[in-house]
N, C-alpha and C. Protein backbone atom coordinates (compact mmCIF):
# COMPACT_ATOMS: atom_id res chain seq x y z
N MET A 1 -5.93 -2.04 -12.68
CA MET A 1 -7.36 -2.13 -12.77
C MET A 1 -7.78 -3.26 -13.72
N ALA A 2 -7.17 -3.33 -14.90
CA ALA A 2 -7.53 -4.38 -15.86
C ALA A 2 -7.16 -5.76 -15.33
N SER A 3 -6.02 -5.86 -14.66
CA SER A 3 -5.61 -7.16 -14.09
C SER A 3 -6.59 -7.62 -13.02
N ARG A 4 -7.03 -6.70 -12.20
CA ARG A 4 -7.99 -7.04 -11.15
C ARG A 4 -9.31 -7.48 -11.77
N ALA A 5 -9.76 -6.78 -12.80
CA ALA A 5 -11.00 -7.15 -13.48
C ALA A 5 -10.89 -8.55 -14.10
N LEU A 6 -9.77 -8.84 -14.75
CA LEU A 6 -9.57 -10.15 -15.35
C LEU A 6 -9.52 -11.23 -14.28
N ARG A 7 -8.85 -10.94 -13.18
CA ARG A 7 -8.76 -11.91 -12.08
C ARG A 7 -10.15 -12.18 -11.49
N LEU A 8 -10.93 -11.12 -11.25
CA LEU A 8 -12.28 -11.30 -10.69
C LEU A 8 -13.20 -12.04 -11.65
N LEU A 9 -13.12 -11.71 -12.94
CA LEU A 9 -13.93 -12.41 -13.93
C LEU A 9 -13.53 -13.88 -14.00
N SER A 10 -12.24 -14.15 -13.95
CA SER A 10 -11.77 -15.54 -13.97
C SER A 10 -12.25 -16.29 -12.73
N ASP A 11 -12.14 -15.67 -11.57
CA ASP A 11 -12.61 -16.30 -10.33
C ASP A 11 -14.10 -16.64 -10.43
N TRP A 12 -14.87 -15.69 -10.96
CA TRP A 12 -16.31 -15.93 -11.13
C TRP A 12 -16.55 -17.10 -12.09
N ALA A 13 -15.83 -17.12 -13.22
CA ALA A 13 -16.01 -18.16 -14.23
C ALA A 13 -15.68 -19.54 -13.67
N PHE A 14 -14.63 -19.63 -12.86
CA PHE A 14 -14.29 -20.93 -12.26
C PHE A 14 -15.44 -21.44 -11.40
N THR A 15 -16.03 -20.57 -10.63
CA THR A 15 -17.12 -20.95 -9.72
C THR A 15 -18.43 -21.18 -10.47
N ALA A 16 -18.84 -20.20 -11.25
CA ALA A 16 -20.16 -20.26 -11.89
C ALA A 16 -20.22 -21.27 -13.03
N LEU A 17 -19.14 -21.41 -13.77
CA LEU A 17 -19.14 -22.26 -14.95
C LEU A 17 -18.42 -23.59 -14.73
N LYS A 18 -17.89 -23.76 -13.53
CA LYS A 18 -17.18 -25.00 -13.17
C LYS A 18 -16.03 -25.32 -14.13
N LEU A 19 -15.27 -24.29 -14.49
CA LEU A 19 -14.14 -24.48 -15.39
C LEU A 19 -12.93 -25.01 -14.64
N SER A 20 -12.12 -25.80 -15.30
CA SER A 20 -10.89 -26.29 -14.68
C SER A 20 -9.70 -25.43 -15.06
N GLU A 21 -9.81 -24.68 -16.15
CA GLU A 21 -8.75 -23.77 -16.57
C GLU A 21 -9.32 -22.75 -17.55
N ILE A 22 -8.61 -21.65 -17.69
CA ILE A 22 -8.95 -20.63 -18.67
C ILE A 22 -7.69 -20.33 -19.48
N GLU A 23 -7.84 -20.29 -20.78
CA GLU A 23 -6.73 -19.96 -21.66
C GLU A 23 -6.99 -18.60 -22.30
N LEU A 24 -5.94 -17.87 -22.55
CA LEU A 24 -6.06 -16.64 -23.31
C LEU A 24 -4.81 -16.45 -24.14
N TRP A 25 -4.93 -15.56 -25.14
CA TRP A 25 -3.83 -15.29 -26.05
C TRP A 25 -3.71 -13.79 -26.26
N THR A 26 -2.50 -13.35 -26.53
CA THR A 26 -2.27 -11.95 -26.86
C THR A 26 -1.13 -11.87 -27.88
N HIS A 27 -1.08 -10.77 -28.58
CA HIS A 27 0.00 -10.56 -29.55
C HIS A 27 1.32 -10.51 -28.78
N VAL A 28 2.35 -11.10 -29.36
CA VAL A 28 3.65 -11.17 -28.70
C VAL A 28 4.20 -9.79 -28.35
N ASP A 29 3.88 -8.77 -29.13
CA ASP A 29 4.41 -7.43 -28.88
C ASP A 29 3.51 -6.57 -27.99
N ASN A 30 2.39 -7.11 -27.52
CA ASN A 30 1.46 -6.34 -26.70
C ASN A 30 1.85 -6.48 -25.22
N ALA A 31 2.84 -5.70 -24.84
CA ALA A 31 3.38 -5.80 -23.48
C ALA A 31 2.33 -5.51 -22.41
N ALA A 32 1.44 -4.57 -22.66
CA ALA A 32 0.42 -4.22 -21.67
C ALA A 32 -0.52 -5.41 -21.42
N SER A 33 -0.98 -6.05 -22.48
CA SER A 33 -1.88 -7.20 -22.31
C SER A 33 -1.17 -8.37 -21.65
N ARG A 34 0.09 -8.56 -21.97
CA ARG A 34 0.85 -9.64 -21.34
C ARG A 34 1.01 -9.38 -19.84
N THR A 35 1.25 -8.13 -19.47
CA THR A 35 1.36 -7.78 -18.05
C THR A 35 0.04 -7.98 -17.34
N VAL A 36 -1.06 -7.58 -17.97
CA VAL A 36 -2.39 -7.78 -17.38
C VAL A 36 -2.60 -9.27 -17.10
N ALA A 37 -2.31 -10.12 -18.06
CA ALA A 37 -2.49 -11.56 -17.88
C ALA A 37 -1.64 -12.08 -16.72
N GLU A 38 -0.40 -11.69 -16.68
CA GLU A 38 0.50 -12.18 -15.63
C GLU A 38 0.07 -11.70 -14.25
N LEU A 39 -0.35 -10.46 -14.14
CA LEU A 39 -0.81 -9.94 -12.85
C LEU A 39 -2.15 -10.54 -12.42
N ALA A 40 -2.89 -11.09 -13.38
CA ALA A 40 -4.18 -11.73 -13.09
C ALA A 40 -4.00 -13.22 -12.80
N ARG A 41 -2.76 -13.63 -12.57
CA ARG A 41 -2.43 -15.00 -12.18
C ARG A 41 -2.43 -16.01 -13.33
N PHE A 42 -2.32 -15.52 -14.56
CA PHE A 42 -2.12 -16.41 -15.70
C PHE A 42 -0.63 -16.62 -15.86
N ARG A 43 -0.26 -17.79 -16.35
CA ARG A 43 1.16 -18.06 -16.59
C ARG A 43 1.34 -18.42 -18.05
N GLY A 44 2.54 -18.18 -18.53
CA GLY A 44 2.82 -18.49 -19.93
C GLY A 44 2.59 -19.95 -20.22
N ALA A 45 2.00 -20.22 -21.37
CA ALA A 45 1.73 -21.59 -21.81
C ALA A 45 2.34 -21.75 -23.20
N PRO A 46 3.62 -22.12 -23.26
CA PRO A 46 4.30 -22.19 -24.56
C PRO A 46 3.58 -23.07 -25.59
N ASP A 47 2.82 -24.05 -25.13
CA ASP A 47 2.07 -24.88 -26.07
C ASP A 47 0.99 -24.06 -26.78
N GLY A 48 0.60 -22.94 -26.20
CA GLY A 48 -0.42 -22.08 -26.80
C GLY A 48 0.14 -21.03 -27.75
N ASP A 49 1.48 -20.92 -27.79
CA ASP A 49 2.10 -19.97 -28.71
C ASP A 49 1.85 -20.43 -30.14
N GLN A 50 1.50 -19.50 -31.00
CA GLN A 50 1.17 -19.86 -32.37
C GLN A 50 1.23 -18.64 -33.27
N GLN A 51 0.92 -18.86 -34.51
CA GLN A 51 0.79 -17.76 -35.47
C GLN A 51 -0.64 -17.78 -35.98
N ARG A 52 -1.23 -16.60 -36.11
CA ARG A 52 -2.59 -16.48 -36.63
C ARG A 52 -2.60 -15.41 -37.72
N THR A 53 -3.45 -15.61 -38.69
CA THR A 53 -3.60 -14.62 -39.74
C THR A 53 -4.77 -13.71 -39.37
N VAL A 54 -4.46 -12.43 -39.24
CA VAL A 54 -5.46 -11.42 -38.89
C VAL A 54 -5.35 -10.31 -39.93
N LYS A 55 -6.45 -10.08 -40.64
CA LYS A 55 -6.47 -9.03 -41.68
C LYS A 55 -5.30 -9.20 -42.65
N ARG A 56 -5.09 -10.43 -43.07
CA ARG A 56 -4.06 -10.78 -44.05
C ARG A 56 -2.63 -10.59 -43.55
N GLN A 57 -2.48 -10.43 -42.25
CA GLN A 57 -1.14 -10.34 -41.66
C GLN A 57 -0.95 -11.51 -40.71
N VAL A 58 0.25 -12.02 -40.64
CA VAL A 58 0.55 -13.11 -39.71
C VAL A 58 1.01 -12.50 -38.40
N TRP A 59 0.28 -12.85 -37.33
CA TRP A 59 0.60 -12.36 -35.99
C TRP A 59 1.19 -13.49 -35.16
N ARG A 60 2.22 -13.17 -34.41
CA ARG A 60 2.75 -14.12 -33.43
C ARG A 60 1.94 -13.95 -32.15
N ILE A 61 1.36 -15.02 -31.67
CA ILE A 61 0.47 -15.01 -30.52
C ILE A 61 1.11 -15.78 -29.36
N VAL A 62 1.00 -15.22 -28.16
CA VAL A 62 1.52 -15.86 -26.95
C VAL A 62 0.35 -16.39 -26.14
N GLY A 63 0.44 -17.65 -25.73
CA GLY A 63 -0.62 -18.27 -24.95
C GLY A 63 -0.38 -18.17 -23.46
N TYR A 64 -1.47 -18.05 -22.71
CA TYR A 64 -1.45 -18.02 -21.25
C TYR A 64 -2.52 -18.96 -20.73
N ILE A 65 -2.32 -19.46 -19.54
CA ILE A 65 -3.29 -20.35 -18.92
C ILE A 65 -3.39 -20.03 -17.43
N ARG A 66 -4.58 -20.21 -16.90
CA ARG A 66 -4.77 -20.09 -15.46
C ARG A 66 -5.63 -21.27 -15.00
N PRO A 67 -5.03 -22.18 -14.24
CA PRO A 67 -5.83 -23.29 -13.72
C PRO A 67 -6.75 -22.82 -12.60
N ALA A 68 -7.85 -23.52 -12.43
CA ALA A 68 -8.76 -23.21 -11.33
C ALA A 68 -8.05 -23.42 -10.01
N PRO A 69 -8.41 -22.65 -9.00
CA PRO A 69 -7.80 -22.85 -7.68
C PRO A 69 -7.97 -24.32 -7.25
N GLY A 70 -6.87 -24.90 -6.82
CA GLY A 70 -6.90 -26.30 -6.38
C GLY A 70 -6.67 -27.30 -7.49
N CYS A 71 -6.59 -26.85 -8.75
CA CYS A 71 -6.33 -27.73 -9.88
C CYS A 71 -4.90 -27.56 -10.33
N ALA A 72 -4.26 -28.64 -10.64
CA ALA A 72 -2.91 -28.58 -11.19
C ALA A 72 -3.00 -28.87 -12.67
N THR A 73 -2.58 -27.90 -13.48
CA THR A 73 -2.61 -28.09 -14.92
C THR A 73 -1.25 -27.85 -15.50
């Protein structure tokens, strides 16, 4: 259900906002969010992997990207 919602929202954003790509990030250990992203047609973007400080803790973040249909990114 969440993957379908993310996919539909992304499809709408590409059309309505004329986006060429959408990026998102999730905590490296958040398997559920990573699965949602992958099922919603996002692919891993190693260039987006990073560390962020959240509430004084360093989190490892995994980046994902989804190019607009017909765009190669």
